[in-house]
Amino acid sequence: MHQLDKQDFVLERRAYRPHVTLARKVTWLEPCAHDPVRFRVDSFALFHSRSTPQGVVYDRNEEWPLGVR
């Protein structure tokens, strides 16, 4: 049993899909400095999220494959 299960913390059972959220419920974002983040990807997708009474739903608008170097 996972330690969080012992604390009545509900873990998601769905598979993890790595992603980057650029902004969510933001009206203004102050610029900030940070170190670069590097990772490899094989495609790029644009999603639109919408809140529903059952939770957030993510709709894929478009997906583009990226060339392999």
Protein backbone atom coordinates (compact mmCIF):
# COMPACT_ATOMS: atom_id res chain seq x y z
CA MET A 1 0.00 0.00 0.00
CA HIS A 2 1.27 3.46 -0.89
CA GLN A 3 1.92 5.79 2.07
CA LEU A 4 -0.56 8.35 0.69
CA ASP A 5 -3.31 5.70 0.59
CA LYS A 6 -2.91 5.33 4.37
CA GLN A 7 -3.77 9.04 4.71
CA ASP A 8 -6.98 8.71 2.63
CA PHE A 9 -5.31 10.51 -0.28
CA VAL A 10 -6.90 9.33 -3.52
CA LEU A 11 -4.33 8.59 -6.23
CA GLU A 12 -5.29 8.81 -9.88
CA ARG A 13 -5.27 5.40 -11.53
CA ARG A 14 -5.05 6.65 -15.12
CA ALA A 15 -1.72 6.54 -16.92
CA TYR A 16 0.44 9.65 -16.62
CA ARG A 17 0.75 11.69 -19.84
CA PRO A 18 3.63 14.17 -19.57
CA HIS A 19 2.59 17.68 -20.58
CA VAL A 20 3.37 21.35 -20.11
CA THR A 21 0.60 23.74 -19.09
CA LEU A 22 1.45 27.20 -20.40
CA ALA A 23 -1.34 29.01 -18.59
CA ARG A 24 -4.57 28.16 -16.79
CA LYS A 25 -7.09 30.64 -15.39
CA VAL A 26 -4.57 33.46 -15.79
CA THR A 27 -5.36 37.10 -16.51
CA TRP A 28 -1.82 38.43 -16.02
CA LEU A 29 1.53 36.72 -15.65
CA GLU A 30 4.64 38.48 -14.37
CA PRO A 31 7.82 37.66 -16.30
CA CYS A 32 10.19 35.42 -14.38
CA ALA A 33 13.70 34.12 -14.94
CA HIS A 34 14.45 30.40 -14.68
CA ASP A 35 16.95 27.82 -15.83
CA PRO A 36 16.23 26.07 -19.15
CA VAL A 37 14.31 22.80 -19.03
CA ARG A 38 15.36 20.22 -21.63
CA PHE A 39 13.49 17.09 -22.70
CA ARG A 40 12.86 15.08 -25.88
CA VAL A 41 9.45 14.87 -27.55
CA ASP A 42 8.15 13.17 -30.71
CA SER A 43 5.02 15.28 -31.22
CA PHE A 44 3.45 18.58 -30.21
CA ALA A 45 -0.26 18.90 -29.46
CA LEU A 46 -2.48 21.88 -28.69
CA PHE A 47 -5.28 21.25 -26.20
CA HIS A 48 -8.13 23.35 -24.93
CA SER A 49 -9.28 22.71 -21.36
CA ARG A 50 -12.79 23.36 -20.12
CA SER A 51 -14.20 22.98 -16.66
CA THR A 52 -17.32 20.87 -16.22
CA PRO A 53 -19.23 19.79 -13.10
CA GLN A 54 -17.50 16.39 -13.48
CA GLY A 55 -14.01 17.93 -13.69
CA VAL A 56 -11.73 19.40 -16.32
CA VAL A 57 -12.04 18.04 -19.88
CA TYR A 58 -9.13 18.33 -22.30
CA ASP A 59 -9.95 18.54 -26.01
CA ARG A 60 -7.12 18.03 -28.50
CA ASN A 61 -7.30 20.79 -31.12
CA GLU A 62 -4.38 19.62 -33.27
CA GLU A 63 -1.25 17.46 -33.11
CA TRP A 64 1.94 17.75 -35.13
CA PRO A 65 4.71 15.14 -35.39
CA LEU A 66 8.23 16.42 -34.85
CA GLY A 67 11.23 15.27 -36.87
CA VAL A 68 13.75 13.00 -35.16
CA ARG A 69 17.34 14.21 -35.08
